[in-house]
Protein backbone atom coordinates (compact mmCIF):
# COMPACT_ATOMS: atom_id res chain seq x y z
CA MET A 1 11.40 5.66 -32.77
CA VAL A 2 12.01 5.54 -29.05
CA PHE A 3 14.99 4.15 -27.10
CA ASP A 4 14.41 2.17 -23.89
CA THR A 5 17.29 2.83 -21.50
CA HIS A 6 16.47 0.08 -18.99
CA SER A 7 15.14 -3.43 -19.60
CA HIS A 8 15.65 -7.07 -18.57
CA TYR A 9 14.91 -9.29 -21.58
CA TYR A 10 16.72 -12.23 -19.99
CA ASP A 11 13.99 -12.43 -17.34
CA ASP A 12 11.93 -15.63 -17.36
CA LYS A 13 8.74 -13.56 -17.41
CA PHE A 14 9.50 -13.21 -21.13
CA GLY A 15 9.58 -16.98 -21.55
CA GLU A 16 11.11 -20.13 -20.15
CA THR A 17 13.59 -20.54 -23.00
CA ARG A 18 16.16 -18.28 -24.60
CA GLU A 19 14.39 -18.70 -27.93
CA GLU A 20 11.08 -17.45 -26.52
CA ARG A 21 12.70 -14.42 -24.94
CA ASP A 22 14.66 -13.57 -28.08
CA ALA A 23 11.50 -13.80 -30.17
CA ILE A 24 9.80 -11.17 -28.04
CA LEU A 25 12.73 -8.79 -28.31
CA GLU A 26 12.92 -9.33 -32.07
CA GLU A 27 9.26 -8.32 -32.31
CA VAL A 28 9.84 -5.28 -30.09
CA LEU A 29 12.77 -4.05 -32.20
CA SER A 30 10.82 -4.45 -35.43
CA GLY A 31 8.31 -1.82 -34.35
CA CYS A 32 8.53 1.66 -32.82
CA VAL A 33 11.47 0.83 -30.52
CA SER A 34 14.89 1.71 -31.95
CA GLY A 35 16.93 0.15 -29.18
CA VAL A 36 17.14 -1.15 -25.62
CA ILE A 37 19.71 -1.46 -22.88
CA ASN A 38 19.53 -4.76 -21.02
CA CYS A 39 20.77 -4.23 -17.48
CA GLY A 40 22.45 -7.10 -15.69
CA THR A 41 22.04 -7.79 -11.99
CA THR A 42 24.46 -10.73 -11.61
CA TYR A 43 27.57 -11.86 -13.43
CA GLU A 44 25.60 -14.65 -15.08
CA ASN A 45 22.78 -12.54 -16.46
CA SER A 46 25.26 -9.82 -17.40
CA LEU A 47 26.77 -12.40 -19.75
CA GLU A 48 23.29 -13.01 -21.13
CA CYS A 49 22.87 -9.27 -21.71
CA ILE A 50 26.04 -9.37 -23.81
CA ARG A 51 24.80 -12.38 -25.78
CA ILE A 52 21.56 -10.55 -26.58
CA ALA A 53 23.49 -7.42 -27.57
CA GLU A 54 25.65 -9.43 -29.94
CA LYS A 55 22.55 -10.96 -31.56
CA PHE A 56 20.46 -7.81 -32.04
CA GLY A 57 21.73 -4.61 -33.58
CA GLY A 58 19.46 -2.43 -31.46
CA ALA A 59 20.33 -4.14 -28.17
CA TYR A 60 23.02 -2.98 -25.77
CA ALA A 61 24.17 -4.25 -22.39
CA ALA A 62 24.96 -2.95 -18.93
CA CYS A 63 26.77 -5.28 -16.53
CA GLY A 64 26.73 -5.12 -12.75
CA LEU A 65 25.87 -6.64 -9.37
CA HIS A 66 22.44 -5.59 -8.09
CA PRO A 67 21.96 -4.92 -4.34
CA GLU A 68 19.27 -7.60 -4.02
CA ASP A 69 21.87 -10.14 -5.13
CA VAL A 70 24.34 -9.18 -2.43
CA THR A 71 22.64 -11.96 -0.47
CA ASP A 72 24.23 -14.54 -2.81
CA ASP A 73 27.62 -15.89 -1.74
CA TYR A 74 29.43 -14.71 -4.86
CA ALA A 75 28.35 -11.10 -4.30
CA PHE A 76 30.36 -10.98 -1.09
CA ASN A 77 33.47 -11.92 -3.02
CA ASP A 78 35.53 -9.08 -4.49
CA GLU A 79 36.58 -11.50 -7.24
CA SER A 80 33.03 -11.24 -8.59
CA VAL A 81 33.35 -7.48 -8.88
CA GLY A 82 36.53 -8.09 -10.85
CA LYS A 83 34.67 -10.44 -13.18
CA ILE A 84 32.15 -7.67 -13.88
CA LYS A 85 35.02 -5.29 -14.63
CA ALA A 86 36.33 -7.68 -17.28
CA LEU A 87 33.05 -7.40 -19.21
CA LEU A 88 33.05 -3.61 -19.50
CA SER A 89 35.41 -3.39 -22.48
CA HIS A 90 32.96 -5.20 -24.77
CA LYS A 91 31.97 -2.92 -27.63
CA LYS A 92 28.25 -3.14 -26.79
CA VAL A 93 28.51 -2.80 -23.00
CA VAL A 94 27.49 0.81 -22.49
CA ALA A 95 27.37 1.03 -18.68
CA LEU A 96 28.17 -0.53 -15.32
CA GLY A 97 24.90 -1.49 -13.75
CA GLU A 98 22.46 -2.13 -12.35
CA ILE A 99 24.13 -1.27 -9.06
CA GLY A 100 23.10 0.60 -5.94
CA LEU A 101 21.23 0.07 -2.66
CA ASP A 102 17.90 -1.56 -1.83
CA TYR A 103 16.60 -1.36 1.74
CA HIS A 104 13.07 -2.38 0.76
CA TRP A 105 13.85 -6.09 0.60
CA ARG A 106 16.87 -6.24 2.91
CA GLU A 107 17.90 -3.98 5.75
CA ASP A 108 20.10 -6.44 7.63
CA ASN A 109 23.02 -6.30 5.17
CA LYS A 110 23.32 -2.57 4.55
CA GLY A 111 27.07 -2.65 5.17
CA GLU A 112 27.66 -5.30 2.52
CA GLN A 113 25.42 -3.51 0.04
CA LYS A 114 27.39 -0.30 0.55
CA ARG A 115 30.71 -2.12 0.16
CA ILE A 116 29.72 -3.75 -3.14
CA PHE A 117 28.25 -0.46 -4.37
CA ARG A 118 31.47 1.43 -3.59
CA SER A 119 33.60 -1.29 -5.17
CA GLN A 120 31.71 -0.93 -8.43
CA LEU A 121 31.76 2.87 -8.35
CA GLU A 122 35.54 2.68 -7.99
CA ILE A 123 35.66 0.57 -11.15
CA ALA A 124 33.47 3.12 -12.93
CA VAL A 125 35.97 5.85 -12.08
CA LYS A 126 38.94 3.81 -13.32
CA GLU A 127 37.19 2.61 -16.48
CA ASP A 128 35.48 5.95 -17.19
CA ILE A 129 32.15 4.27 -17.84
CA PRO A 130 28.64 5.46 -16.93
CA VAL A 131 26.71 3.71 -14.16
CA VAL A 132 23.06 2.76 -13.78
CA VAL A 133 21.97 3.24 -10.17
CA HIS A 134 19.16 1.42 -8.37
CA ASP A 135 17.90 3.24 -5.26
CA ARG A 136 14.96 1.84 -3.34
CA ASP A 137 14.17 3.12 0.14
CA ALA A 138 17.83 4.07 0.52
CA HIS A 139 17.81 7.63 -0.77
CA GLY A 140 20.06 9.23 1.86
CA ASP A 141 22.77 6.59 1.74
CA THR A 142 22.71 6.34 -2.05
CA LEU A 143 23.06 10.09 -2.51
CA SER A 144 25.82 10.23 0.10
CA ILE A 145 27.83 7.44 -1.55
CA VAL A 146 27.62 8.75 -5.12
CA SER A 147 28.69 12.15 -3.76
CA GLU A 148 32.01 10.52 -2.78
CA TYR A 149 32.79 9.72 -6.43
CA LYS A 150 32.94 13.06 -8.19
CA GLY A 151 34.21 11.60 -11.45
CA VAL A 152 31.32 9.17 -11.91
CA LYS A 153 28.54 9.95 -14.38
CA GLY A 154 25.38 8.00 -14.93
CA VAL A 155 21.66 7.72 -14.32
CA PHE A 156 19.36 7.08 -11.39
CA HIS A 157 16.91 4.70 -13.01
CA SER A 158 13.14 4.66 -12.30
CA TYR A 159 13.69 7.62 -10.03
CA SER A 160 11.78 7.53 -6.73
CA GLY A 161 13.61 10.07 -4.58
CA SER A 162 12.73 13.62 -3.64
CA ILE A 163 12.88 16.72 -5.80
CA GLU A 164 15.58 18.07 -3.46
CA ALA A 165 17.76 14.98 -4.02
CA ALA A 166 17.16 15.22 -7.77
CA LYS A 167 18.47 18.79 -7.74
CA GLU A 168 21.62 17.64 -5.92
CA LEU A 169 22.17 14.86 -8.43
CA LEU A 170 21.72 17.25 -11.34
CA LYS A 171 24.36 19.55 -9.86
CA MET A 172 26.76 16.59 -9.87
CA GLY A 173 26.03 15.85 -13.53
CA TRP A 174 23.69 12.88 -13.16
CA TYR A 175 20.78 12.00 -15.42
CA ILE A 176 17.33 11.09 -14.08
CA SER A 177 15.22 8.36 -15.70
CA PHE A 178 11.50 7.79 -15.34
CA SER A 179 9.52 4.58 -15.81
CA GLY A 180 5.82 3.78 -16.14
CA VAL A 181 5.38 4.76 -12.50
CA ILE A 182 4.83 8.36 -13.62
CA THR A 183 1.58 7.28 -15.31
CA PHE A 184 0.07 5.94 -12.07
CA LYS A 185 -2.78 7.94 -10.57
CA ASN A 186 -1.02 8.32 -7.21
CA ALA A 187 2.25 9.61 -8.73
CA VAL A 188 1.54 13.27 -7.86
CA ARG A 189 4.95 13.97 -6.31
CA MET A 190 6.75 12.26 -9.18
CA ALA A 191 4.85 14.39 -11.69
CA GLU A 192 6.37 17.52 -10.17
CA ILE A 193 9.86 16.02 -10.43
CA VAL A 194 9.33 15.12 -14.10
CA LYS A 195 8.49 18.76 -14.78
CA SER A 196 11.64 19.98 -13.02
CA ILE A 197 14.34 18.01 -14.88
CA PRO A 198 16.33 19.99 -17.50
CA ASP A 199 15.80 18.97 -21.11
CA ASP A 200 19.31 17.56 -21.42
CA ARG A 201 19.14 15.30 -18.34
CA ILE A 202 15.88 13.40 -18.64
CA LEU A 203 15.62 9.77 -19.77
CA ILE A 204 12.74 7.31 -20.05
CA GLU A 205 12.66 3.57 -19.56
CA THR A 206 10.42 0.56 -18.97
CA ASP A 207 12.35 -1.55 -16.43
CA CYS A 208 10.49 -4.34 -18.22
CA PRO A 209 9.13 -6.86 -17.51
CA TYR A 210 8.24 -4.78 -14.44
CA LEU A 211 6.43 -1.45 -13.86
CA ALA A 212 4.06 -1.52 -16.82
CA PRO A 213 2.46 1.92 -17.27
CA HIS A 214 -1.23 2.74 -17.00
CA PRO A 215 -3.49 1.40 -18.54
CA HIS A 216 -1.43 -1.81 -18.45
CA ARG A 217 -0.41 -1.62 -14.79
CA GLY A 218 0.08 -5.10 -13.35
CA GLU A 219 0.70 -6.72 -16.73
CA ARG A 220 4.02 -7.92 -18.10
CA ASN A 221 5.79 -4.87 -19.47
CA ASP A 222 7.87 -4.60 -22.63
CA SER A 223 9.55 -1.74 -24.47
CA ARG A 224 6.59 -1.01 -26.73
CA LEU A 225 4.70 0.29 -23.70
CA ILE A 226 7.31 3.00 -23.18
CA LEU A 227 5.16 5.17 -25.44
CA PHE A 228 2.67 5.59 -22.58
CA THR A 229 5.50 6.87 -20.38
CA ALA A 230 6.72 9.17 -23.15
CA GLU A 231 3.23 10.57 -23.64
CA LYS A 232 2.81 11.25 -19.92
CA ALA A 233 6.23 12.89 -19.62
CA ALA A 234 5.49 15.04 -22.66
CA GLU A 235 2.13 16.07 -21.20
CA LEU A 236 3.72 17.03 -17.87
CA ARG A 237 6.46 19.02 -19.60
CA ASN A 238 4.03 20.64 -22.06
CA LEU A 239 5.83 19.25 -25.10
CA PRO A 240 4.80 17.36 -28.23
CA VAL A 241 5.53 13.69 -27.63
CA ASP A 242 7.83 13.45 -30.65
CA ARG A 243 9.99 16.21 -29.21
CA LEU A 244 10.15 14.48 -25.83
CA ILE A 245 11.21 11.25 -27.53
CA SER A 246 13.83 13.07 -29.60
CA GLN A 247 15.27 14.73 -26.48
CA THR A 248 15.46 11.52 -24.47
CA ASN A 249 17.02 9.64 -27.40
CA GLU A 250 19.69 12.33 -27.74
CA ASN A 251 20.33 12.25 -23.99
CA ALA A 252 20.74 8.47 -24.03
CA LYS A 253 23.36 8.69 -26.78
CA ARG A 254 25.20 11.47 -24.96
CA LEU A 255 25.39 9.48 -21.72
CA PHE A 256 25.91 6.02 -23.20
CA THR A 257 28.48 6.94 -25.82
CA LYS A 258 28.75 3.46 -27.39
CA ILE A 259 25.17 3.66 -28.69
CA LYS A 260 25.11 4.04 -32.46
């Protein structure tokens, strides 16, 4: 049984209605997947993550403001960060996230992205809760900002940075998570990073419905396909796949302490 540390089952790619989306997750959790963390990107879908977590025993939630959503009016309002903070005490909210920086889609609002990122990291320090970090084409700034918050622990999800940055993050106590990207034929650099992560700091994820692994690249992803990522990570680390899954499950429970 494998645990998916990063998913988005509220996404409309899983269906137009709540009932359709819930049916897919119910099917996922009845198979080889023991649990999932749904990661919010806005206040509204963070609430949906909590609803899903309350409905399904194997579902957990992370709540946060994603950098792509800093373009929305509410994301510029510190009151919205406070609303996210109010969700963190829920018994099935295991992390603050998905937060971070994204310069791939927007470079003109870097200052606002950094401000919202720092505001949420400050909450993580005060609430002593792990964070889930999104970093796309913003590696230097993201590493610099998390370095300012020595008390924060968490994971860089679907890691895409350098091996040098990964080493710095590991020194600070961070976990590194890998998605289906590691199964892609052109993921040579990422393969070397997968090999370098200590046993007690590696996690795996889907980021579904996105980033489906080979041989399903380009299709809608779901947590059942995480087995392809687990198999590739195990191959790269010269481990039996069941041992890789056991390690990553243990790591998830150590980082996200509310997971049962």
